[in-house]
């Protein structure tokens, strides 16, 4: 190799190493601002949007062909609130929020306003002030959004609503929010339904079926449409699943409400004054509804004395208290001390208090039929034992050890033992795993559980027989050996036993 070529190679290596050294001495590049939000999907959610607050089926936006991180949508927005999410099915995910809570979307529009994205609070939302057809654009690359008003919304297509029945539901109606037993209207013709009776101050809407909230409702076009002595503020209604608009009864009274399902109109006539009697709501393990406000036992006030509440019915063993409001933060009517017993002999002390704390409750120690009297004027409580005939509630078992797993719809039902109060039995296969029992198909309700964690079920039986009825801690029986078992539980004596059959 010639000396000249050797020199060229040496010089090239020297320059390369020098360049590498300079590269290593460069400063790090710092990127200011937010990084682009990379997502293939973006959704609108809120009562201002077509699909309302459904997190399982929010309103999708469309990415543009020019830039897949710029999403657009054109359609109807109602007066209400909205925010955006990147994924469906969970409220725990991050959401896109305005920089300022209540940032208004009006006919004047918004141009390239900044937004924020985070999970949790504060739950800031845009407020749509003027309903209409809007064009929305969210730029996830630059974290900006624009909204422009296009035109008024199209008038709804009015086609007769075919229905065999019509029901009212809401805090203003006699049956309140009980969707399983809403207030039924009288059918006057194929499409005309009439209700005549008391309405309290509160909210209401109407439906053609019972038992489900996931159906279209008859509702006002604008939320908060008022019903009062002068009638209804707007006679037209809509028939939709959302947004969840409701009429507001601003004056209690006797009304005649007429719905025409062919013309999509409502007429409200105020007939006379009416002061609704107050109600007491009784909850607790001793009541049939447990701790569920939706299933609370309603105690009506005496029509001639609104300070006197009398109820007759069956009570199980357990605790109870009562309130004038369906709110755990509200004051409750309680005994003057915790654990005041209700039994065949009556109540241990008739003194009653009205407080938020301490959380003292009456304790029913003998199941049976009782007459309870709450006097909220002189603050006394009375219990009269009538008889011991208590209808056995249904009892269900769920858990990984059972055939239905953790599905309440597929829960395993136990059979009451004839002639033995509080006793239930079941025979079948248990897998290795855990289980607990309940009388309500509701995960927020109390469950029958072992009195301590780690209680096992095996060929040797149950390691501890004691049972408690609580919402927590979430202790469960643990099956350590798979097999066919006979389980016997007594919810009066609060005991359980297990026998392996094979």
Protein backbone atom coordinates (compact mmCIF):
# COMPACT_ATOMS: atom_id res chain seq x y z
CA UNK A 1 0.00 0.00 0.00
CA UNK A 2 1.34 3.43 -0.89
CA UNK A 3 2.31 5.87 1.86
CA UNK A 4 -0.19 8.39 0.40
CA UNK A 5 -3.12 5.98 0.78
CA UNK A 6 -2.11 5.08 4.32
CA UNK A 7 -2.11 8.77 5.22
CA UNK A 8 -5.62 9.28 3.76
CA UNK A 9 -6.99 6.40 5.82
CA UNK A 10 -5.38 7.73 9.00
CA UNK A 11 -6.77 11.21 8.34
CA UNK A 12 -10.30 9.81 7.77
CA UNK A 13 -10.21 7.89 11.06
CA UNK A 14 -9.00 10.97 12.89
CA UNK A 15 -11.79 13.13 11.49
CA UNK A 16 -14.42 10.49 12.32
CA UNK A 17 -13.30 10.21 15.94
CA UNK A 18 -13.22 13.98 16.25
CA UNK A 19 -16.75 14.29 14.94
CA UNK A 20 -17.92 11.65 17.39
CA UNK A 21 -16.31 13.54 20.22
CA UNK A 22 -18.08 16.75 19.25
CA UNK A 23 -21.39 14.88 19.01
CA UNK A 24 -20.98 13.60 22.56
CA UNK A 25 -20.45 17.14 23.84
CA UNK A 26 -23.77 18.45 22.40
CA UNK A 27 -26.41 19.73 24.88
CA UNK A 28 -29.59 17.65 25.42
CA UNK A 29 -32.59 18.94 23.48
CA UNK A 30 -35.47 19.93 25.82
CA UNK A 31 -38.98 19.83 24.34
CA UNK A 32 -41.32 22.43 25.80
CA UNK A 33 -45.11 21.87 25.96
CA UNK A 34 -47.28 18.78 25.77
CA UNK A 35 -46.46 15.77 23.66
CA UNK A 36 -49.06 14.76 21.04
CA UNK A 37 -51.86 12.54 22.36
CA UNK A 38 -51.58 9.39 20.26
CA UNK A 39 -54.90 7.56 20.13
CA UNK A 40 -56.96 5.97 17.35
CA UNK A 41 -60.26 6.90 19.03
CA UNK A 42 -61.87 9.91 20.68
CA UNK A 43 -65.39 10.19 22.13
CA UNK A 44 -67.81 12.87 23.34
CA UNK A 45 -69.69 12.11 26.56
CA UNK A 46 -72.20 14.18 28.52
CA UNK A 47 -75.85 15.14 28.58
CA UNK A 48 -75.15 17.66 25.80
CA UNK A 49 -74.11 14.85 23.43
CA UNK A 50 -76.36 12.48 21.44
CA UNK A 51 -75.55 9.43 23.58
CA UNK A 52 -75.68 11.22 26.92
CA UNK A 53 -73.57 9.96 29.82
CA UNK A 54 -73.18 6.42 28.46
CA UNK A 55 -69.51 5.58 28.99
CA UNK A 56 -70.08 2.24 27.25
CA UNK A 57 -71.41 3.88 24.08
CA UNK A 58 -70.25 7.51 23.95
CA UNK A 59 -70.44 9.56 20.74
CA UNK A 60 -67.38 8.85 18.51
CA UNK A 61 -65.40 11.53 16.66
CA UNK A 62 -63.60 10.87 13.35
CA UNK A 63 -59.85 11.28 12.71
CA UNK A 64 -59.04 13.33 9.59
CA UNK A 65 -57.17 11.83 6.62
CA UNK A 66 -54.69 14.71 6.63
CA UNK A 67 -53.72 14.20 10.28
CA UNK A 68 -54.95 11.19 12.31
CA UNK A 69 -54.42 13.17 15.52
CA UNK A 70 -57.00 15.77 14.50
CA UNK A 71 -60.56 14.59 15.21
CA UNK A 72 -63.74 16.17 13.84
CA UNK A 73 -67.47 15.72 14.41
CA UNK A 74 -70.61 17.47 13.22
CA UNK A 75 -73.99 16.87 14.79
CA UNK A 76 -76.56 17.95 17.36
CA UNK A 77 -75.54 19.23 20.78
CA UNK A 78 -78.17 19.82 23.44
CA UNK A 79 -77.94 22.39 26.20
CA UNK A 80 -75.88 20.63 28.85
CA UNK A 81 -72.35 19.50 29.71
CA UNK A 82 -69.68 17.46 27.94
CA UNK A 83 -66.10 16.24 28.11
CA UNK A 84 -64.09 13.75 26.03
CA UNK A 85 -62.49 10.36 26.56
CA UNK A 86 -60.01 8.24 24.62
CA UNK A 87 -61.56 4.89 25.53
CA UNK A 88 -64.94 3.49 26.51
CA UNK A 89 -66.09 1.47 29.50
CA UNK A 90 -64.50 3.22 32.48
CA UNK A 91 -64.75 6.56 34.28
CA UNK A 92 -61.27 5.97 35.74
CA UNK A 93 -59.47 6.70 32.45
CA UNK A 94 -58.04 10.14 31.60
CA UNK A 95 -60.53 12.64 30.14
CA UNK A 96 -60.07 15.76 28.02
CA UNK A 97 -61.35 18.80 29.94
CA UNK A 98 -61.58 22.55 29.33
CA UNK A 99 -58.98 24.70 31.04
CA UNK A 100 -61.78 26.43 32.97
CA UNK A 101 -64.82 24.61 34.37
CA UNK A 102 -68.02 25.61 32.60
CA UNK A 103 -66.27 27.00 29.52
CA UNK A 104 -69.27 27.90 27.35
CA UNK A 105 -70.03 26.64 23.85
CA UNK A 106 -72.45 29.09 22.23
CA UNK A 107 -73.50 30.27 18.79
CA UNK A 108 -70.41 32.50 18.83
CA UNK A 109 -68.23 29.37 18.81
CA UNK A 110 -64.70 28.72 20.12
CA UNK A 111 -61.50 28.97 18.08
CA UNK A 112 -58.33 27.02 18.93
CA UNK A 113 -58.82 27.10 22.68
CA UNK A 114 -56.40 25.08 24.78
CA UNK A 115 -57.63 22.03 26.67
CA UNK A 116 -56.25 19.78 29.39
CA UNK A 117 -56.17 16.00 29.90
CA UNK A 118 -55.98 14.09 33.18
CA UNK A 119 -57.72 11.43 35.27
CA UNK A 120 -59.74 12.22 38.38
CA UNK A 121 -60.74 15.58 39.80
CA UNK A 122 -61.45 18.41 39.21
CA UNK A 123 -64.14 17.19 36.80
CA UNK A 124 -64.21 20.23 34.52
CA UNK A 125 -66.67 20.16 31.62
CA UNK A 126 -67.68 22.33 28.69
CA UNK A 127 -71.15 23.87 28.99
CA UNK A 128 -73.25 23.97 25.84
CA UNK A 129 -75.48 27.04 26.24
CA UNK A 130 -77.17 27.15 22.83
CA UNK A 131 -78.51 23.86 21.49
CA UNK A 132 -77.91 23.31 17.79
CA UNK A 133 -75.89 21.57 15.11
CA UNK A 134 -72.18 22.13 15.79
CA UNK A 135 -68.90 21.35 14.08
CA UNK A 136 -66.22 20.32 16.57
CA UNK A 137 -62.48 19.89 15.99
CA UNK A 138 -60.01 18.56 18.56
CA UNK A 139 -56.32 18.79 17.65
CA UNK A 140 -54.54 16.22 19.83
CA UNK A 141 -51.18 17.21 18.36
CA UNK A 142 -51.37 20.80 19.59
CA UNK A 143 -53.87 20.34 22.46
CA UNK A 144 -56.44 22.80 21.06
CA UNK A 145 -60.15 22.62 20.24
CA UNK A 146 -62.59 24.59 18.11
CA UNK A 147 -66.38 24.66 18.01
CA UNK A 148 -68.54 26.39 15.41
CA UNK A 149 -72.31 26.72 15.33
CA UNK A 150 -73.77 25.45 12.05
CA UNK A 151 -77.53 25.81 12.39
CA UNK A 152 -80.53 24.96 14.53
CA UNK A 153 -81.31 21.33 15.25
CA UNK A 154 -83.80 19.53 13.04
CA UNK A 155 -87.28 19.20 14.47
CA UNK A 156 -87.80 15.64 15.78
CA UNK A 157 -89.77 13.31 13.54
CA UNK A 158 -93.08 12.87 15.32
CA UNK A 159 -94.50 9.40 14.82
CA UNK A 160 -97.16 7.95 17.13
CA UNK A 161 -95.63 6.01 20.03
CA UNK A 162 -97.28 2.61 20.24
CA UNK A 163 -97.70 1.68 23.92
CA UNK A 164 -100.05 -0.43 26.00
CA UNK A 165 -99.22 1.54 29.14
CA UNK A 166 -97.52 4.72 30.30
CA UNK A 167 -95.85 5.32 33.66
CA UNK A 168 -94.47 8.35 35.49
CA UNK A 169 -91.33 8.05 37.59
CA UNK A 170 -89.50 10.64 39.67
CA UNK A 171 -89.25 12.33 43.04
CA UNK A 172 -92.48 14.25 42.41
CA UNK A 173 -94.58 11.12 41.74
CA UNK A 174 -96.26 8.93 44.39
CA UNK A 175 -93.91 5.98 43.82
CA UNK A 176 -90.85 8.19 43.40
CA UNK A 177 -87.91 6.57 41.53
CA UNK A 178 -89.16 2.99 41.81
CA UNK A 179 -88.75 1.82 38.20
CA UNK A 180 -90.13 -1.60 39.12
CA UNK A 181 -93.39 -0.04 40.32
CA UNK A 182 -93.74 3.43 38.77
CA UNK A 183 -96.99 5.43 38.85
CA UNK A 184 -99.27 4.20 36.06
CA UNK A 185 -101.46 6.55 34.02
CA UNK A 186 -104.99 5.68 32.87
CA UNK A 187 -105.26 4.83 29.19
CA UNK A 188 -108.09 6.91 27.68
CA UNK A 189 -107.52 5.96 24.02
CA UNK A 190 -104.84 4.40 21.83
CA UNK A 191 -102.45 7.30 22.39
CA UNK A 192 -103.86 9.40 25.24
CA UNK A 193 -102.89 8.64 28.86
CA UNK A 194 -104.08 10.63 31.89
CA UNK A 195 -102.97 10.85 35.52
CA UNK A 196 -105.02 12.69 38.13
CA UNK A 197 -103.62 12.88 41.62
CA UNK A 198 -100.94 14.38 43.84
CA UNK A 199 -97.57 15.57 42.62
CA UNK A 200 -94.93 16.79 45.06
CA UNK A 201 -92.21 19.31 44.31
CA UNK A 202 -89.51 17.44 42.41
CA UNK A 203 -88.63 15.86 39.07
CA UNK A 204 -90.40 13.43 36.74
CA UNK A 205 -90.31 11.76 33.34
CA UNK A 206 -92.39 8.97 31.74
CA UNK A 207 -91.80 5.53 30.24
CA UNK A 208 -93.78 2.81 28.47
CA UNK A 209 -92.21 -0.15 30.31
CA UNK A 210 -91.12 -0.97 33.86
CA UNK A 211 -87.99 -2.53 35.30
CA UNK A 212 -85.25 -0.84 33.26
CA UNK A 213 -83.60 2.56 32.92
CA UNK A 214 -81.99 1.56 29.60
CA UNK A 215 -85.04 2.45 27.49
CA UNK A 216 -86.34 5.61 25.78
CA UNK A 217 -88.24 7.98 28.07
CA UNK A 218 -90.88 10.60 27.40
CA UNK A 219 -89.18 13.80 28.55
CA UNK A 220 -89.06 17.55 27.87
CA UNK A 221 -86.87 18.82 25.04
CA UNK A 222 -85.06 21.07 27.54
CA UNK A 223 -84.09 19.95 31.01
CA UNK A 224 -85.95 21.56 33.89
CA UNK A 225 -89.14 22.38 31.99
CA UNK A 226 -91.48 23.63 34.73
CA UNK A 227 -94.89 22.31 35.74
CA UNK A 228 -96.92 24.49 38.12
CA UNK A 229 -100.18 26.27 38.73
CA UNK A 230 -100.05 27.81 35.25
CA UNK A 231 -99.57 24.44 33.58
CA UNK A 232 -96.48 23.25 31.73
CA UNK A 233 -93.98 25.74 30.31
CA UNK A 234 -93.61 23.85 27.00
CA UNK A 235 -96.22 21.38 25.74
CA UNK A 236 -93.97 19.47 23.33
CA UNK A 237 -91.90 16.49 24.48
CA UNK A 238 -89.27 14.16 23.01
CA UNK A 239 -88.92 10.39 23.22
CA UNK A 240 -85.25 9.54 23.71
CA UNK A 241 -82.73 7.67 25.83
CA UNK A 242 -80.79 10.88 26.44
CA UNK A 243 -79.97 13.48 27.50
CA UNK A 244 -81.73 12.79 30.80
CA UNK A 245 -84.07 15.79 30.71
CA UNK A 246 -86.88 15.88 33.27
CA UNK A 247 -89.88 18.03 34.09
CA UNK A 248 -89.67 19.95 37.37
CA UNK A 249 -92.84 20.28 39.45
CA UNK A 250 -92.33 23.60 41.23
CA UNK A 251 -95.60 23.62 43.21
CA UNK A 252 -97.05 20.62 45.05
CA UNK A 253 -100.70 19.99 44.30
CA UNK A 254 -103.38 17.81 42.77
CA UNK A 255 -102.81 17.74 39.01
CA UNK A 256 -104.33 16.30 35.86
CA UNK A 257 -101.48 15.30 33.52
CA UNK A 258 -102.39 14.32 29.94
CA UNK A 259 -99.88 12.76 27.53
CA UNK A 260 -100.75 12.47 23.83
CA UNK A 261 -98.34 9.93 22.33
CA UNK A 262 -99.57 10.66 18.80
CA UNK A 263 -98.95 14.43 18.92
CA UNK A 264 -96.03 14.24 21.40
CA UNK A 265 -97.63 16.75 23.77
CA UNK A 266 -98.18 17.05 27.52
CA UNK A 267 -100.86 19.13 29.24
CA UNK A 268 -100.69 19.87 32.98
CA UNK A 269 -103.71 21.21 34.88
CA UNK A 270 -103.43 22.33 38.50
CA UNK A 271 -106.66 21.26 40.26
CA UNK A 272 -106.20 22.05 43.96
CA UNK A 273 -103.69 22.53 46.74
CA UNK A 274 -102.03 19.51 48.26
CA UNK A 275 -99.45 19.21 51.04
CA UNK A 276 -97.85 15.77 50.72
CA UNK A 277 -97.47 13.87 53.96
CA UNK A 278 -93.86 13.27 54.93
CA UNK A 279 -92.39 9.78 54.69
CA UNK A 280 -89.90 7.92 56.81
CA UNK A 281 -87.45 5.61 55.09
CA UNK A 282 -86.34 2.64 57.19
CA UNK A 283 -83.15 0.76 56.32
CA UNK A 284 -80.94 -1.89 57.93
CA UNK A 285 -80.33 -5.63 58.02
CA UNK A 286 -83.64 -6.14 59.82
CA UNK A 287 -85.62 -4.67 56.90
CA UNK A 288 -86.47 -6.45 53.67
CA UNK A 289 -84.49 -3.92 51.63
CA UNK A 290 -81.35 -4.07 53.75
CA UNK A 291 -79.16 -0.98 53.38
CA UNK A 292 -80.43 -0.09 49.90
CA UNK A 293 -82.12 3.30 49.61
CA UNK A 294 -83.86 2.11 46.44
CA UNK A 295 -85.47 -0.71 48.44
CA UNK A 296 -85.95 1.19 51.70
CA UNK A 297 -89.09 0.42 53.72
CA UNK A 298 -91.44 3.42 53.41
CA UNK A 299 -93.37 4.43 56.55
CA UNK A 300 -96.25 6.80 55.75
CA UNK A 301 -97.23 9.62 58.10
CA UNK A 302 -100.65 9.50 59.73
CA UNK A 303 -102.98 11.61 57.52
CA UNK A 304 -104.34 13.38 60.60
CA UNK A 305 -101.01 13.75 62.40
CA UNK A 306 -97.89 14.19 60.28
CA UNK A 307 -95.68 13.69 63.34
CA UNK A 308 -96.85 10.09 63.75
CA UNK A 309 -95.53 7.25 61.58
CA UNK A 310 -96.92 3.72 62.02
CA UNK A 311 -95.76 0.62 60.13
CA UNK A 312 -96.66 -3.07 60.32
CA UNK A 313 -94.59 -5.78 58.72
CA UNK A 314 -91.94 -8.42 59.05
CA UNK A 315 -88.51 -7.79 60.50
CA UNK A 316 -85.51 -10.11 60.43
CA UNK A 317 -82.78 -10.22 63.04
CA UNK A 318 -80.46 -7.26 62.64
CA UNK A 319 -80.27 -3.50 62.98
CA UNK A 320 -82.41 -0.64 61.66
CA UNK A 321 -82.74 3.14 61.70
CA UNK A 322 -84.94 5.66 59.83
CA UNK A 323 -84.62 8.99 58.03
CA UNK A 324 -86.81 11.55 56.29
CA UNK A 325 -84.25 11.75 53.48
CA UNK A 326 -82.66 9.06 51.32
CA UNK A 327 -79.20 10.24 52.22
CA UNK A 328 -76.64 8.54 54.46
CA UNK A 329 -75.31 11.99 55.42
CA UNK A 330 -78.72 13.17 56.67
CA UNK A 331 -79.82 12.92 60.32
CA UNK A 332 -81.44 9.62 61.34
CA UNK A 333 -84.04 8.71 63.93
CA UNK A 334 -82.20 6.34 66.28
CA UNK A 335 -82.31 4.93 69.78
CA UNK A 336 -80.67 6.97 72.52
CA UNK A 337 -77.97 4.31 72.80
CA UNK A 338 -76.47 1.73 70.44
CA UNK A 339 -77.90 -1.79 70.27
CA UNK A 340 -81.26 -0.95 71.87
CA UNK A 341 -83.09 -4.28 71.52
CA UNK A 342 -86.41 -4.97 69.81
CA UNK A 343 -87.89 -8.33 70.81
CA UNK A 344 -91.09 -10.15 71.74
CA UNK A 345 -91.22 -7.88 74.79
CA UNK A 346 -91.15 -4.72 72.69
CA UNK A 347 -88.36 -2.16 72.68
CA UNK A 348 -85.92 -1.88 75.58
CA UNK A 349 -86.18 1.93 75.66
CA UNK A 350 -88.74 4.12 73.90
CA UNK A 351 -86.51 7.21 73.87
CA UNK A 352 -85.55 8.34 70.35
CA UNK A 353 -83.04 10.92 69.07
CA UNK A 354 -82.53 12.61 65.69
CA UNK A 355 -78.82 12.91 64.91
CA UNK A 356 -76.16 12.22 62.31
CA UNK A 357 -73.89 10.55 64.86
CA UNK A 358 -73.06 8.40 66.68
CA UNK A 359 -74.45 5.76 64.34
CA UNK A 360 -76.61 4.05 66.97
CA UNK A 361 -79.27 1.64 65.69
CA UNK A 362 -82.07 -0.49 67.06
CA UNK A 363 -81.25 -4.20 67.15
CA UNK A 364 -84.00 -6.72 66.34
CA UNK A 365 -83.13 -9.87 68.29
CA UNK A 366 -86.32 -11.83 67.53
CA UNK A 367 -87.52 -12.04 63.93
CA UNK A 368 -91.25 -11.68 63.39
CA UNK A 369 -94.12 -9.40 62.52
CA UNK A 370 -94.10 -6.05 64.36
CA UNK A 371 -95.98 -2.78 64.61
CA UNK A 372 -93.51 0.11 64.84
CA UNK A 373 -94.54 3.64 65.84
CA UNK A 374 -92.27 6.65 65.39
CA UNK A 375 -93.48 9.85 67.09
CA UNK A 376 -91.21 12.64 65.89
CA UNK A 377 -92.99 15.26 68.01
CA UNK A 378 -92.30 13.77 71.44
CA UNK A 379 -89.31 11.73 70.13
CA UNK A 380 -90.57 8.32 71.21
CA UNK A 381 -90.44 4.93 69.51
CA UNK A 382 -92.62 1.91 70.20
CA UNK A 383 -92.45 -1.69 68.96
CA UNK A 384 -95.23 -4.25 69.40
CA UNK A 385 -94.51 -7.89 68.56
CA UNK A 386 -97.46 -9.36 66.63
CA UNK A 387 -96.40 -12.91 65.66
CA UNK A 388 -93.44 -15.01 64.56
CA UNK A 389 -94.55 -15.81 61.02
CA UNK A 390 -91.74 -14.35 58.94
CA UNK A 391 -91.66 -15.17 55.25
CA UNK A 392 -88.22 -16.54 54.48
CA UNK A 393 -86.33 -14.28 52.05
CA UNK A 394 -84.52 -15.82 49.11
CA UNK A 395 -80.89 -16.67 49.89
CA UNK A 396 -78.20 -16.78 47.20
CA UNK A 397 -74.58 -18.00 47.07
CA UNK A 398 -71.91 -16.53 44.79
CA UNK A 399 -68.16 -16.94 44.50
CA UNK A 400 -65.39 -18.67 42.60
CA UNK A 401 -66.26 -21.96 44.34
CA UNK A 402 -69.79 -21.96 42.85
CA UNK A 403 -71.06 -22.94 39.41
CA UNK A 404 -72.20 -19.38 38.65
CA UNK A 405 -69.00 -17.73 39.81
CA UNK A 406 -69.36 -14.08 40.80
CA UNK A 407 -72.41 -13.46 38.60
CA UNK A 408 -75.43 -12.38 40.65
CA UNK A 409 -77.63 -13.34 37.69
CA UNK A 410 -76.34 -16.92 37.95
CA UNK A 411 -76.24 -17.06 41.76
CA UNK A 412 -76.99 -20.40 43.45
CA UNK A 413 -80.27 -20.28 45.41
CA UNK A 414 -80.68 -22.05 48.77
CA UNK A 415 -83.88 -23.77 49.96
CA UNK A 416 -85.59 -22.71 53.22
CA UNK A 417 -86.04 -25.57 55.71
CA UNK A 418 -89.74 -26.06 56.44
CA UNK A 419 -90.50 -25.65 60.13
CA UNK A 420 -87.07 -24.34 61.11
CA UNK A 421 -86.95 -20.55 61.32
CA UNK A 422 -84.02 -18.99 59.52
CA UNK A 423 -82.54 -22.26 58.24
CA UNK A 424 -81.56 -22.87 54.60
CA UNK A 425 -79.85 -25.82 52.91
CA UNK A 426 -78.19 -26.57 49.61
CA UNK A 427 -76.51 -29.67 48.18
CA UNK A 428 -74.19 -29.55 45.19
CA UNK A 429 -70.64 -29.36 43.92
CA UNK A 430 -68.23 -26.77 45.27
CA UNK A 431 -64.91 -26.14 43.53
CA UNK A 432 -61.82 -24.96 45.31
CA UNK A 433 -62.34 -21.25 45.78
CA UNK A 434 -64.40 -18.89 47.92
CA UNK A 435 -68.08 -18.03 48.46
CA UNK A 436 -70.45 -15.83 50.46
CA UNK A 437 -74.25 -15.48 50.65
CA UNK A 438 -76.81 -12.70 50.27
CA UNK A 439 -80.54 -12.00 50.23
CA UNK A 440 -80.23 -9.11 47.75
CA UNK A 441 -78.62 -9.39 44.34
CA UNK A 442 -76.61 -6.25 44.95
CA UNK A 443 -72.85 -6.11 45.59
CA UNK A 444 -73.31 -3.01 47.76
CA UNK A 445 -75.74 -4.84 50.08
CA UNK A 446 -74.66 -6.79 53.20
CA UNK A 447 -73.52 -10.41 52.81
CA UNK A 448 -73.53 -13.40 55.13
CA UNK A 449 -69.87 -14.22 55.76
CA UNK A 450 -67.57 -16.00 58.20
CA UNK A 451 -66.88 -14.03 61.37
CA UNK A 452 -63.17 -13.90 60.48
CA UNK A 453 -60.99 -14.32 57.42
CA UNK A 454 -59.45 -17.66 56.51
CA UNK A 455 -62.47 -19.79 57.51
CA UNK A 456 -62.21 -23.02 55.49
CA UNK A 457 -64.68 -25.57 54.14
CA UNK A 458 -63.36 -29.07 53.57
CA UNK A 459 -64.02 -32.76 54.22
CA UNK A 460 -63.67 -31.91 57.91
CA UNK A 461 -66.55 -29.38 57.70
CA UNK A 462 -66.41 -25.65 58.44
CA UNK A 463 -63.44 -24.56 60.52
CA UNK A 464 -65.60 -22.04 62.46
CA UNK A 465 -69.44 -22.04 62.63
CA UNK A 466 -70.06 -18.35 63.37
CA UNK A 467 -71.72 -16.16 60.70
CA UNK A 468 -71.91 -12.36 60.45
CA UNK A 469 -74.03 -10.14 58.18
CA UNK A 470 -72.00 -7.16 57.01
CA UNK A 471 -70.92 -5.09 54.03
CA UNK A 472 -67.27 -5.41 55.03
CA UNK A 473 -64.61 -6.58 55.47
CA UNK A 474 -65.10 -8.85 52.46
CA UNK A 475 -64.40 -12.12 54.28
CA UNK A 476 -65.47 -15.32 52.49
CA UNK A 477 -65.53 -19.03 53.16
CA UNK A 478 -62.65 -20.81 51.42
CA UNK A 479 -63.28 -24.27 49.95
CA UNK A 480 -59.99 -26.16 50.11
CA UNK A 481 -61.26 -29.53 48.83
CA UNK A 482 -63.52 -29.87 45.79
CA UNK A 483 -66.55 -32.11 46.26
CA UNK A 484 -70.28 -32.49 46.73
CA UNK A 485 -71.35 -30.69 49.90
CA UNK A 486 -74.51 -30.08 51.90
CA UNK A 487 -74.36 -26.56 53.31
CA UNK A 488 -76.76 -25.62 56.12
CA UNK A 489 -76.95 -22.01 57.28
CA UNK A 490 -79.25 -20.48 59.90
CA UNK A 491 -79.57 -16.70 59.51
CA UNK A 492 -81.45 -16.45 62.82
CA UNK A 493 -78.86 -18.26 64.93
CA UNK A 494 -76.07 -17.01 62.61
CA UNK A 495 -74.41 -20.41 62.24
CA UNK A 496 -73.24 -22.54 59.31
CA UNK A 497 -72.15 -26.14 58.81
CA UNK A 498 -70.87 -28.12 55.83
CA UNK A 499 -70.86 -31.88 55.18
CA UNK A 500 -69.01 -33.48 52.26
CA UNK A 501 -71.16 -36.15 50.60
CA UNK A 502 -68.47 -37.99 48.60
